[in-house]
């Protein structure tokens, strides 16, 4: 059972390694064979904890998940994921609010 999740985790790791370390950004990866959407927020490492707000926004602009997260000192990323099954089809938005700035990315569920 563990090997079932090993390949997707390796793929996610490789995919997210290309994120820029010197600027904040968000990106999502759809893993259809694992029924998952994995999103990552990358940020510049800082010497204090940061509170951020993550939002998953449906195609009709309804926020279906909102999570406050604490990023520990000197950490450079945070992940969130959802299952594809049961999600509304269309263009979704993954948004991170970090202090007074917003970072967004879009992805399509077909």
PDB file of N, CA and C in Angstrom:
ATOM      1  N   UNK A   1       0.815  -1.193   0.000  1.00  0.00           N
ATOM      2  CA  UNK A   1       0.000   0.000   0.000  1.00  0.00           C
ATOM      3  C   UNK A   1       0.865   1.265   0.000  1.00  0.00           C
ATOM      4  N   UNK A   2       1.987   1.221   0.676  1.00  0.00           N
ATOM      5  CA  UNK A   2       2.862   2.383   0.716  1.00  0.00           C
ATOM      6  C   UNK A   2       3.415   2.730  -0.651  1.00  0.00           C
ATOM      7  N   UNK A   3       3.680   1.725  -1.471  1.00  0.00           N
ATOM      8  CA  UNK A   3       4.228   1.987  -2.801  1.00  0.00           C
ATOM      9  C   UNK A   3       3.219   2.704  -3.683  1.00  0.00           C
ATOM     10  N   UNK A   4       1.941   2.562  -3.385  1.00  0.00           N
ATOM     11  CA  UNK A   4       0.902   3.246  -4.153  1.00  0.00           C
ATOM     12  C   UNK A   4       1.069   4.766  -4.056  1.00  0.00           C
ATOM     13  N   UNK A   5       1.545   5.250  -2.924  1.00  0.00           N
ATOM     14  CA  UNK A   5       1.688   6.682  -2.715  1.00  0.00           C
ATOM     15  C   UNK A   5       3.109   7.181  -2.966  1.00  0.00           C
ATOM     16  N   UNK A   6       4.043   6.276  -3.113  1.00  0.00           N
ATOM     17  CA  UNK A   6       5.439   6.662  -3.288  1.00  0.00           C
ATOM     18  C   UNK A   6       5.656   7.424  -4.598  1.00  0.00           C
ATOM     19  N   UNK A   7       5.184   6.877  -5.704  1.00  0.00           N
ATOM     20  CA  UNK A   7       5.393   7.530  -6.997  1.00  0.00           C
ATOM     21  C   UNK A   7       4.739   8.912  -7.053  1.00  0.00           C
ATOM     22  N   UNK A   8       3.475   9.067  -6.639  1.00  0.00           N
ATOM     23  CA  UNK A   8       2.893  10.416  -6.660  1.00  0.00           C
ATOM     24  C   UNK A   8       3.645  11.413  -5.779  1.00  0.00           C
ATOM     25  N   UNK A   9       4.134  10.965  -4.644  1.00  0.00           N
ATOM     26  CA  UNK A   9       4.889  11.872  -3.783  1.00  0.00           C
ATOM     27  C   UNK A   9       6.200  12.283  -4.434  1.00  0.00           C
ATOM     28  N   UNK A  10       6.859  11.332  -5.087  1.00  0.00           N
ATOM     29  CA  UNK A  10       8.098  11.664  -5.807  1.00  0.00           C
ATOM     30  C   UNK A  10       7.803  12.635  -6.941  1.00  0.00           C
ATOM     31  N   UNK A  11       6.722  12.394  -7.672  1.00  0.00           N
ATOM     32  CA  UNK A  11       6.343  13.302  -8.757  1.00  0.00           C
ATOM     33  C   UNK A  11       6.050  14.696  -8.227  1.00  0.00           C
ATOM     34  N   UNK A  12       5.338  14.768  -7.120  1.00  0.00           N
ATOM     35  CA  UNK A  12       5.045  16.071  -6.517  1.00  0.00           C
ATOM     36  C   UNK A  12       6.333  16.770  -6.104  1.00  0.00           C
ATOM     37  N   UNK A  13       7.222  16.022  -5.475  1.00  0.00           N
ATOM     38  CA  UNK A  13       8.487  16.599  -5.044  1.00  0.00           C
ATOM     39  C   UNK A  13       9.252  17.167  -6.232  1.00  0.00           C
ATOM     40  N   UNK A  14       9.360  16.392  -7.302  1.00  0.00           N
ATOM     41  CA  UNK A  14      10.074  16.851  -8.500  1.00  0.00           C
ATOM     42  C   UNK A  14       9.388  18.054  -9.122  1.00  0.00           C
ATOM     43  N   UNK A  15       8.062  18.004  -9.196  1.00  0.00           N
ATOM     44  CA  UNK A  15       7.282  19.095  -9.780  1.00  0.00           C
ATOM     45  C   UNK A  15       7.497  20.391  -9.013  1.00  0.00           C
ATOM     46  N   UNK A  16       7.453  20.299  -7.701  1.00  0.00           N
ATOM     47  CA  UNK A  16       7.537  21.496  -6.879  1.00  0.00           C
ATOM     48  C   UNK A  16       8.970  21.969  -6.639  1.00  0.00           C
ATOM     49  N   UNK A  17       9.971  21.187  -7.010  1.00  0.00           N
ATOM     50  CA  UNK A  17      11.355  21.600  -6.873  1.00  0.00           C
ATOM     51  C   UNK A  17      11.678  22.788  -7.764  1.00  0.00           C
ATOM     52  N   UNK A  18      10.904  22.969  -8.818  1.00  0.00           N
ATOM     53  CA  UNK A  18      11.185  24.037  -9.768  1.00  0.00           C
ATOM     54  C   UNK A  18      10.604  25.376  -9.351  1.00  0.00           C
ATOM     55  N   UNK A  19       9.972  25.422  -8.198  1.00  0.00           N
ATOM     56  CA  UNK A  19       9.436  26.693  -7.701  1.00  0.00           C
ATOM     57  C   UNK A  19      10.595  27.641  -7.390  1.00  0.00           C
ATOM     58  N   UNK A  20      10.368  28.904  -7.617  1.00  0.00           N
ATOM     59  CA  UNK A  20      11.419  29.901  -7.374  1.00  0.00           C
ATOM     60  C   UNK A  20      11.588  30.121  -5.880  1.00  0.00           C
ATOM     61  N   UNK A  21      12.800  30.019  -5.413  1.00  0.00           N
ATOM     62  CA  UNK A  21      13.077  30.161  -3.988  1.00  0.00           C
ATOM     63  C   UNK A  21      13.108  31.614  -3.543  1.00  0.00           C
ATOM     64  N   UNK A  22      13.251  32.555  -4.478  1.00  0.00           N
ATOM     65  CA  UNK A  22      13.394  33.948  -4.090  1.00  0.00           C
ATOM     66  C   UNK A  22      12.130  34.781  -4.300  1.00  0.00           C
ATOM     67  N   UNK A  23      11.021  34.139  -4.574  1.00  0.00           N
ATOM     68  CA  UNK A  23       9.769  34.879  -4.696  1.00  0.00           C
ATOM     69  C   UNK A  23       8.616  33.983  -4.269  1.00  0.00           C
ATOM     70  N   UNK A  24       7.560  34.617  -3.790  1.00  0.00           N
ATOM     71  CA  UNK A  24       6.390  33.862  -3.356  1.00  0.00           C
ATOM     72  C   UNK A  24       5.549  33.479  -4.567  1.00  0.00           C
ATOM     73  N   UNK A  25       5.050  32.248  -4.586  1.00  0.00           N
ATOM     74  CA  UNK A  25       4.170  31.835  -5.671  1.00  0.00           C
ATOM     75  C   UNK A  25       3.343  30.625  -5.258  1.00  0.00           C
ATOM     76  N   UNK A  26       2.307  30.346  -6.037  1.00  0.00           N
ATOM     77  CA  UNK A  26       1.462  29.180  -5.819  1.00  0.00           C
ATOM     78  C   UNK A  26       1.399  28.366  -7.100  1.00  0.00           C
ATOM     79  N   UNK A  27       1.209  27.057  -6.934  1.00  0.00           N
ATOM     80  CA  UNK A  27       1.086  26.176  -8.087  1.00  0.00           C
ATOM     81  C   UNK A  27       0.309  24.941  -7.664  1.00  0.00           C
ATOM     82  N   UNK A  28      -0.403  24.353  -8.606  1.00  0.00           N
ATOM     83  CA  UNK A  28      -1.185  23.146  -8.332  1.00  0.00           C
ATOM     84  C   UNK A  28      -0.873  22.082  -9.373  1.00  0.00           C
ATOM     85  N   UNK A  29      -0.980  20.849  -8.937  1.00  0.00           N
ATOM     86  CA  UNK A  29      -0.742  19.696  -9.791  1.00  0.00           C
ATOM     87  C   UNK A  29      -1.925  18.745  -9.627  1.00  0.00           C
ATOM     88  N   UNK A  30      -2.514  18.325 -10.744  1.00  0.00           N
ATOM     89  CA  UNK A  30      -3.624  17.373 -10.717  1.00  0.00           C
ATOM     90  C   UNK A  30      -3.074  15.984 -11.006  1.00  0.00           C
ATOM     91  N   UNK A  31      -3.290  15.078 -10.080  1.00  0.00           N
ATOM     92  CA  UNK A  31      -2.863  13.684 -10.218  1.00  0.00           C
ATOM     93  C   UNK A  31      -4.112  12.834 -10.394  1.00  0.00           C
ATOM     94  N   UNK A  32      -4.576  12.710 -11.636  1.00  0.00           N
ATOM     95  CA  UNK A  32      -5.831  12.011 -11.903  1.00  0.00           C
ATOM     96  C   UNK A  32      -5.797  10.555 -11.457  1.00  0.00           C
ATOM     97  N   UNK A  33      -4.680   9.871 -11.671  1.00  0.00           N
ATOM     98  CA  UNK A  33      -4.609   8.464 -11.293  1.00  0.00           C
ATOM     99  C   UNK A  33      -4.652   8.260  -9.775  1.00  0.00           C
ATOM    100  N   UNK A  34      -4.385   9.298  -9.007  1.00  0.00           N
ATOM    101  CA  UNK A  34      -4.474   9.236  -7.548  1.00  0.00           C
ATOM    102  C   UNK A  34      -5.680  10.001  -7.017  1.00  0.00           C
ATOM    103  N   UNK A  35      -6.527  10.537  -7.940  1.00  0.00           N
ATOM    104  CA  UNK A  35      -7.736  11.263  -7.554  1.00  0.00           C
ATOM    105  C   UNK A  35      -7.403  12.448  -6.637  1.00  0.00           C
ATOM    106  N   UNK A  36      -6.299  13.161  -6.926  1.00  0.00           N
ATOM    107  CA  UNK A  36      -5.849  14.223  -6.032  1.00  0.00           C
ATOM    108  C   UNK A  36      -5.461  15.496  -6.772  1.00  0.00           C
ATOM    109  N   UNK A  37      -5.649  16.600  -6.071  1.00  0.00           N
ATOM    110  CA  UNK A  37      -5.142  17.902  -6.490  1.00  0.00           C
ATOM    111  C   UNK A  37      -4.213  18.349  -5.371  1.00  0.00           C
ATOM    112  N   UNK A  38      -2.951  18.613  -5.698  1.00  0.00           N
ATOM    113  CA  UNK A  38      -1.970  19.031  -4.699  1.00  0.00           C
ATOM    114  C   UNK A  38      -1.539  20.451  -5.047  1.00  0.00           C
ATOM    115  N   UNK A  39      -1.677  21.350  -4.084  1.00  0.00           N
ATOM    116  CA  UNK A  39      -1.278  22.733  -4.307  1.00  0.00           C
ATOM    117  C   UNK A  39      -0.209  23.124  -3.291  1.00  0.00           C
ATOM    118  N   UNK A  40       0.685  23.991  -3.741  1.00  0.00           N
ATOM    119  CA  UNK A  40       1.812  24.404  -2.906  1.00  0.00           C
ATOM    120  C   UNK A  40       1.956  25.917  -2.955  1.00  0.00           C
ATOM    121  N   UNK A  41       2.225  26.482  -1.797  1.00  0.00           N
ATOM    122  CA  UNK A  41       2.578  27.891  -1.686  1.00  0.00           C
ATOM    123  C   UNK A  41       4.045  27.953  -1.285  1.00  0.00           C
ATOM    124  N   UNK A  42       4.865  28.581  -2.117  1.00  0.00           N
ATOM    125  CA  UNK A  42       6.290  28.752  -1.840  1.00  0.00           C
ATOM    126  C   UNK A  42       6.541  30.206  -1.476  1.00  0.00           C
ATOM    127  N   UNK A  43       7.381  30.398  -0.483  1.00  0.00           N
ATOM    128  CA  UNK A  43       7.646  31.754  -0.039  1.00  0.00           C
ATOM    129  C   UNK A  43       9.100  31.900   0.387  1.00  0.00           C
ATOM    130  N   UNK A  44       9.528  33.123   0.481  1.00  0.00           N
ATOM    131  CA  UNK A  44      10.874  33.384   0.976  1.00  0.00           C
ATOM    132  C   UNK A  44      10.914  33.000   2.449  1.00  0.00           C
ATOM    133  N   UNK A  45      11.992  32.355   2.847  1.00  0.00           N
ATOM    134  CA  UNK A  45      12.137  31.955   4.246  1.00  0.00           C
ATOM    135  C   UNK A  45      12.365  33.193   5.110  1.00  0.00           C
ATOM    136  N   UNK A  46      11.701  33.213   6.260  1.00  0.00           N
ATOM    137  CA  UNK A  46      11.839  34.346   7.176  1.00  0.00           C
ATOM    138  C   UNK A  46      12.147  33.833   8.584  1.00  0.00           C
ATOM    139  N   UNK A  47      12.601  34.727   9.426  1.00  0.00           N
ATOM    140  CA  UNK A  47      13.017  34.339  10.780  1.00  0.00           C
ATOM    141  C   UNK A  47      11.900  34.467  11.812  1.00  0.00           C
ATOM    142  N   UNK A  48      10.659  34.402  11.360  1.00  0.00           N
ATOM    143  CA  UNK A  48       9.515  34.441  12.266  1.00  0.00           C
ATOM    144  C   UNK A  48       8.368  33.606  11.684  1.00  0.00           C
ATOM    145  N   UNK A  49       7.440  33.190  12.542  1.00  0.00           N
ATOM    146  CA  UNK A  49       6.279  32.450  12.056  1.00  0.00           C
ATOM    147  C   UNK A  49       5.411  33.371  11.211  1.00  0.00           C
ATOM    148  N   UNK A  50       4.742  32.769  10.217  1.00  0.00           N
ATOM    149  CA  UNK A  50       3.819  33.534   9.381  1.00  0.00           C
ATOM    150  C   UNK A  50       2.454  32.868   9.420  1.00  0.00           C
ATOM    151  N   UNK A  51       1.421  33.656   9.506  1.00  0.00           N
ATOM    152  CA  UNK A  51       0.050  33.171   9.391  1.00  0.00           C
ATOM    153  C   UNK A  51      -0.438  33.481   7.988  1.00  0.00           C
ATOM    154  N   UNK A  52      -0.970  32.466   7.331  1.00  0.00           N
ATOM    155  CA  UNK A  52      -1.527  32.661   5.985  1.00  0.00           C
ATOM    156  C   UNK A  52      -2.943  32.106   5.952  1.00  0.00           C
ATOM    157  N   UNK A  53      -3.678  32.488   4.940  1.00  0.00           N
ATOM    158  CA  UNK A  53      -5.025  31.983   4.715  1.00  0.00           C
ATOM    159  C   UNK A  53      -5.057  31.342   3.339  1.00  0.00           C
ATOM    160  N   UNK A  54      -5.528  30.099   3.266  1.00  0.00           N
ATOM    161  CA  UNK A  54      -5.642  29.379   1.999  1.00  0.00           C
ATOM    162  C   UNK A  54      -7.116  29.244   1.645  1.00  0.00           C
ATOM    163  N   UNK A  55      -7.441  29.496   0.385  1.00  0.00           N
ATOM    164  CA  UNK A  55      -8.822  29.350  -0.096  1.00  0.00           C
ATOM    165  C   UNK A  55      -8.860  28.525  -1.372  1.00  0.00           C
ATOM    166  N   UNK A  56      -9.832  27.607  -1.439  1.00  0.00           N
ATOM    167  CA  UNK A  56     -10.139  26.856  -2.652  1.00  0.00           C
ATOM    168  C   UNK A  56     -11.454  27.449  -3.166  1.00  0.00           C
ATOM    169  N   UNK A  57     -11.436  27.964  -4.396  1.00  0.00           N
ATOM    170  CA  UNK A  57     -12.591  28.679  -4.936  1.00  0.00           C
ATOM    171  C   UNK A  57     -13.130  27.932  -6.154  1.00  0.00           C
ATOM    172  N   UNK A  58     -14.422  27.573  -6.087  1.00  0.00           N
ATOM    173  CA  UNK A  58     -15.086  26.835  -7.166  1.00  0.00           C
ATOM    174  C   UNK A  58     -15.275  27.717  -8.395  1.00  0.00           C
ATOM    175  N   UNK A  59     -15.655  27.102  -9.526  1.00  0.00           N
ATOM    176  CA  UNK A  59     -15.890  27.873 -10.753  1.00  0.00           C
ATOM    177  C   UNK A  59     -16.949  28.974 -10.604  1.00  0.00           C
ATOM    178  N   UNK A  60     -17.910  28.805  -9.676  1.00  0.00           N
ATOM    179  CA  UNK A  60     -18.935  29.845  -9.480  1.00  0.00           C
ATOM    180  C   UNK A  60     -18.522  30.878  -8.428  1.00  0.00           C
ATOM    181  N   UNK A  61     -17.237  30.903  -8.075  1.00  0.00           N
ATOM    182  CA  UNK A  61     -16.639  31.833  -7.109  1.00  0.00           C
ATOM    183  C   UNK A  61     -17.035  31.582  -5.654  1.00  0.00           C
ATOM    184  N   UNK A  62     -17.558  30.397  -5.349  1.00  0.00           N
ATOM    185  CA  UNK A  62     -17.852  30.023  -3.979  1.00  0.00           C
ATOM    186  C   UNK A  62     -16.584  29.481  -3.327  1.00  0.00           C
ATOM    187  N   UNK A  63     -16.264  29.993  -2.152  1.00  0.00           N
ATOM    188  CA  UNK A  63     -15.121  29.469  -1.401  1.00  0.00           C
ATOM    189  C   UNK A  63     -15.590  28.203  -0.696  1.00  0.00           C
ATOM    190  N   UNK A  64     -15.032  27.049  -1.111  1.00  0.00           N
ATOM    191  CA  UNK A  64     -15.472  25.771  -0.543  1.00  0.00           C
ATOM    192  C   UNK A  64     -14.545  25.264   0.551  1.00  0.00           C
ATOM    193  N   UNK A  65     -13.381  25.857   0.671  1.00  0.00           N
ATOM    194  CA  UNK A  65     -12.484  25.510   1.775  1.00  0.00           C
ATOM    195  C   UNK A  65     -11.647  26.723   2.087  1.00  0.00           C
ATOM    196  N   UNK A  66     -11.546  27.020   3.371  1.00  0.00           N
ATOM    197  CA  UNK A  66     -10.721  28.127   3.829  1.00  0.00           C
ATOM    198  C   UNK A  66      -9.979  27.639   5.065  1.00  0.00           C
ATOM    199  N   UNK A  67      -8.658  27.739   5.022  1.00  0.00           N
ATOM    200  CA  UNK A  67      -7.830  27.250   6.127  1.00  0.00           C
ATOM    201  C   UNK A  67      -6.796  28.284   6.508  1.00  0.00           C
ATOM    202  N   UNK A  68      -6.710  28.534   7.800  1.00  0.00           N
ATOM    203  CA  UNK A  68      -5.614  29.350   8.312  1.00  0.00           C
ATOM    204  C   UNK A  68      -4.479  28.400   8.644  1.00  0.00           C
ATOM    205  N   UNK A  69      -3.279  28.767   8.232  1.00  0.00           N
ATOM    206  CA  UNK A  69      -2.116  27.925   8.500  1.00  0.00           C
ATOM    207  C   UNK A  69      -0.988  28.776   9.047  1.00  0.00           C
ATOM    208  N   UNK A  70      -0.184  28.147   9.895  1.00  0.00           N
ATOM    209  CA  UNK A  70       1.010  28.797  10.425  1.00  0.00           C
ATOM    210  C   UNK A  70       2.221  28.164   9.748  1.00  0.00           C
ATOM    211  N   UNK A  71       3.049  29.016   9.166  1.00  0.00           N
ATOM    212  CA  UNK A  71       4.291  28.536   8.556  1.00  0.00           C
ATOM    213  C   UNK A  71       5.406  28.775   9.570  1.00  0.00           C
ATOM    214  N   UNK A  72       6.068  27.703  10.006  1.00  0.00           N
ATOM    215  CA  UNK A  72       7.119  27.844  11.025  1.00  0.00           C
ATOM    216  C   UNK A  72       8.320  28.658  10.532  1.00  0.00           C
ATOM    217  N   UNK A  73       9.105  29.095  11.474  1.00  0.00           N
ATOM    218  CA  UNK A  73      10.335  29.853  11.195  1.00  0.00           C
ATOM    219  C   UNK A  73      11.201  29.087  10.196  1.00  0.00           C
ATOM    220  N   UNK A  74      11.712  29.803   9.206  1.00  0.00           N
ATOM    221  CA  UNK A  74      12.641  29.291   8.185  1.00  0.00           C
ATOM    222  C   UNK A  74      12.073  28.191   7.289  1.00  0.00           C
ATOM    223  N   UNK A  75      10.776  28.050   7.227  1.00  0.00           N
ATOM    224  CA  UNK A  75      10.173  27.111   6.278  1.00  0.00           C
ATOM    225  C   UNK A  75       9.815  27.875   5.008  1.00  0.00           C
ATOM    226  N   UNK A  76       9.915  27.204   3.867  1.00  0.00           N
ATOM    227  CA  UNK A  76       9.718  27.887   2.597  1.00  0.00           C
ATOM    228  C   UNK A  76       8.517  27.442   1.800  1.00  0.00           C
ATOM    229  N   UNK A  77       7.676  26.547   2.369  1.00  0.00           N
ATOM    230  CA  UNK A  77       6.511  26.108   1.600  1.00  0.00           C
ATOM    231  C   UNK A  77       5.466  25.473   2.508  1.00  0.00           C
ATOM    232  N   UNK A  78       4.259  25.423   1.973  1.00  0.00           N
ATOM    233  CA  UNK A  78       3.151  24.746   2.631  1.00  0.00           C
ATOM    234  C   UNK A  78       2.297  24.114   1.534  1.00  0.00           C
ATOM    235  N   UNK A  79       1.758  22.928   1.823  1.00  0.00           N
ATOM    236  CA  UNK A  79       0.965  22.179   0.853  1.00  0.00           C
ATOM    237  C   UNK A  79      -0.459  22.011   1.358  1.00  0.00           C
ATOM    238  N   UNK A  80      -1.382  21.884   0.429  1.00  0.00           N
ATOM    239  CA  UNK A  80      -2.745  21.477   0.745  1.00  0.00           C
ATOM    240  C   UNK A  80      -3.215  20.611  -0.413  1.00  0.00           C
ATOM    241  N   UNK A  81      -4.128  19.695  -0.133  1.00  0.00           N
ATOM    242  CA  UNK A  81      -4.615  18.846  -1.210  1.00  0.00           C
ATOM    243  C   UNK A  81      -6.092  18.542  -1.009  1.00  0.00           C
ATOM    244  N   UNK A  82      -6.729  18.168  -2.106  1.00  0.00           N
ATOM    245  CA  UNK A  82      -8.125  17.739  -2.098  1.00  0.00           C
ATOM    246  C   UNK A  82      -8.283  16.613  -3.106  1.00  0.00           C
ATOM    247  N   UNK A  83      -9.337  15.851  -2.926  1.00  0.00           N
ATOM    248  CA  UNK A  83      -9.661  14.800  -3.887  1.00  0.00           C
ATOM    249  C   UNK A  83     -10.398  15.409  -5.069  1.00  0.00           C
ATOM    250  N   UNK A  84     -10.197  14.837  -6.243  1.00  0.00           N
ATOM    251  CA  UNK A  84     -10.880  15.312  -7.447  1.00  0.00           C
ATOM    252  C   UNK A  84     -12.346  14.889  -7.429  1.00  0.00           C
ATOM    253  N   UNK A  85     -12.580  13.629  -7.060  1.00  0.00           N
ATOM    254  CA  UNK A  85     -13.933  13.081  -7.078  1.00  0.00           C
ATOM    255  C   UNK A  85     -14.877  13.941  -6.232  1.00  0.00           C
ATOM    256  N   UNK A  86     -16.014  14.288  -6.817  1.00  0.00           N
ATOM    257  CA  UNK A  86     -17.005  15.084  -6.114  1.00  0.00           C
ATOM    258  C   UNK A  86     -16.853  16.581  -6.304  1.00  0.00           C
ATOM    259  N   UNK A  87     -15.816  17.020  -6.973  1.00  0.00           N
ATOM    260  CA  UNK A  87     -15.600  18.454  -7.204  1.00  0.00           C
ATOM    261  C   UNK A  87     -16.355  18.920  -8.445  1.00  0.00           C
ATOM    262  N   UNK A  88     -16.817  20.137  -8.409  1.00  0.00           N
ATOM    263  CA  UNK A  88     -17.489  20.756  -9.544  1.00  0.00           C
ATOM    264  C   UNK A  88     -16.523  20.881 -10.709  1.00  0.00           C
ATOM    265  N   UNK A  89     -16.985  20.573 -11.896  1.00  0.00           N
ATOM    266  CA  UNK A  89     -16.148  20.688 -13.092  1.00  0.00           C
ATOM    267  C   UNK A  89     -16.029  22.158 -13.487  1.00  0.00           C
ATOM    268  N   UNK A  90     -14.871  22.506 -14.027  1.00  0.00           N
ATOM    269  CA  UNK A  90     -14.633  23.876 -14.464  1.00  0.00           C
ATOM    270  C   UNK A  90     -13.298  24.387 -13.957  1.00  0.00           C
ATOM    271  N   UNK A  91     -13.128  25.708 -14.032  1.00  0.00           N
ATOM    272  CA  UNK A  91     -11.869  26.349 -13.634  1.00  0.00           C
ATOM    273  C   UNK A  91     -11.943  26.754 -12.160  1.00  0.00           C
ATOM    274  N   UNK A  92     -11.053  26.179 -11.381  1.00  0.00           N
ATOM    275  CA  UNK A  92     -10.945  26.452  -9.957  1.00  0.00           C
ATOM    276  C   UNK A  92      -9.811  27.435  -9.700  1.00  0.00           C
ATOM    277  N   UNK A  93      -9.866  28.099  -8.554  1.00  0.00           N
ATOM    278  CA  UNK A  93      -8.799  28.999  -8.135  1.00  0.00           C
ATOM    279  C   UNK A  93      -8.291  28.550  -6.775  1.00  0.00           C
ATOM    280  N   UNK A  94      -6.973  28.504  -6.649  1.00  0.00           N
ATOM    281  CA  UNK A  94      -6.322  28.265  -5.368  1.00  0.00           C
ATOM    282  C   UNK A  94      -5.689  29.594  -4.982  1.00  0.00           C
ATOM    283  N   UNK A  95      -6.089  30.126  -3.832  1.00  0.00           N
ATOM    284  CA  UNK A  95      -5.622  31.453  -3.414  1.00  0.00           C
ATOM    285  C   UNK A  95      -4.968  31.378  -2.043  1.00  0.00           C
ATOM    286  N   UNK A  96      -3.853  32.102  -1.906  1.00  0.00           N
ATOM    287  CA  UNK A  96      -3.184  32.249  -0.618  1.00  0.00           C
ATOM    288  C   UNK A  96      -3.119  33.734  -0.301  1.00  0.00           C
ATOM    289  N   UNK A  97      -3.545  34.079   0.902  1.00  0.00           N
ATOM    290  CA  UNK A  97      -3.448  35.459   1.377  1.00  0.00           C
ATOM    291  C   UNK A  97      -2.371  35.482   2.456  1.00  0.00           C
ATOM    292  N   UNK A  98      -1.307  36.210   2.160  1.00  0.00           N
ATOM    293  CA  UNK A  98      -0.149  36.311   3.050  1.00  0.00           C
ATOM    294  C   UNK A  98       0.025  37.785   3.377  1.00  0.00           C
ATOM    295  N   UNK A  99      -0.324  38.141   4.596  1.00  0.00           N
ATOM    296  CA  UNK A  99      -0.342  39.525   5.040  1.00  0.00           C
ATOM    297  C   UNK A  99      -1.285  40.305   4.123  1.00  0.00           C
ATOM    298  N   UNK A 100      -0.811  41.289   3.400  1.00  0.00           N
ATOM    299  CA  UNK A 100      -1.704  42.084   2.550  1.00  0.00           C
ATOM    300  C   UNK A 100      -1.604  41.716   1.067  1.00  0.00           C
ATOM    301  N   UNK A 101      -0.944  40.593   0.755  1.00  0.00           N
ATOM    302  CA  UNK A 101      -0.789  40.179  -0.642  1.00  0.00           C
ATOM    303  C   UNK A 101      -1.544  38.888  -0.911  1.00  0.00           C
ATOM    304  N   UNK A 102      -2.057  38.780  -2.142  1.00  0.00           N
ATOM    305  CA  UNK A 102      -2.763  37.576  -2.572  1.00  0.00           C
ATOM    306  C   UNK A 102      -1.994  36.925  -3.717  1.00  0.00           C
ATOM    307  N   UNK A 103      -1.921  35.591  -3.665  1.00  0.00           N
ATOM    308  CA  UNK A 103      -1.266  34.800  -4.703  1.00  0.00           C
ATOM    309  C   UNK A 103      -2.277  33.769  -5.172  1.00  0.00           C
ATOM    310  N   UNK A 104      -2.476  33.674  -6.485  1.00  0.00           N
ATOM    311  CA  UNK A 104      -3.484  32.754  -7.003  1.00  0.00           C
ATOM    312  C   UNK A 104      -2.954  31.959  -8.179  1.00  0.00           C
ATOM    313  N   UNK A 105      -3.561  30.814  -8.378  1.00  0.00           N
ATOM    314  CA  UNK A 105      -3.338  30.011  -9.575  1.00  0.00           C
ATOM    315  C   UNK A 105      -4.667  29.360  -9.922  1.00  0.00           C
ATOM    316  N   UNK A 106      -4.838  29.030 -11.180  1.00  0.00           N
ATOM    317  CA  UNK A 106      -6.062  28.380 -11.644  1.00  0.00           C
ATOM    318  C   UNK A 106      -5.738  27.011 -12.205  1.00  0.00           C
ATOM    319  N   UNK A 107      -6.691  26.096 -12.099  1.00  0.00           N
ATOM    320  CA  UNK A 107      -6.576  24.779 -12.701  1.00  0.00           C
ATOM    321  C   UNK A 107      -7.978  24.338 -13.102  1.00  0.00           C
ATOM    322  N   UNK A 108      -8.035  23.396 -14.042  1.00  0.00           N
ATOM    323  CA  UNK A 108      -9.317  22.955 -14.587  1.00  0.00           C
ATOM    324  C   UNK A 108      -9.589  21.511 -14.199  1.00  0.00           C
ATOM    325  N   UNK A 109     -10.792  21.273 -13.705  1.00  0.00           N
ATOM    326  CA  UNK A 109     -11.263  19.914 -13.465  1.00  0.00           C
ATOM    327  C   UNK A 109     -12.218  19.598 -14.595  1.00  0.00           C
ATOM    328  N   UNK A 110     -11.920  18.533 -15.325  1.00  0.00           N
ATOM    329  CA  UNK A 110     -12.753  18.160 -16.495  1.00  0.00           C
ATOM    330  C   UNK A 110     -13.636  16.982 -16.181  1.00  0.00           C
TER     331      UNK A 110
END
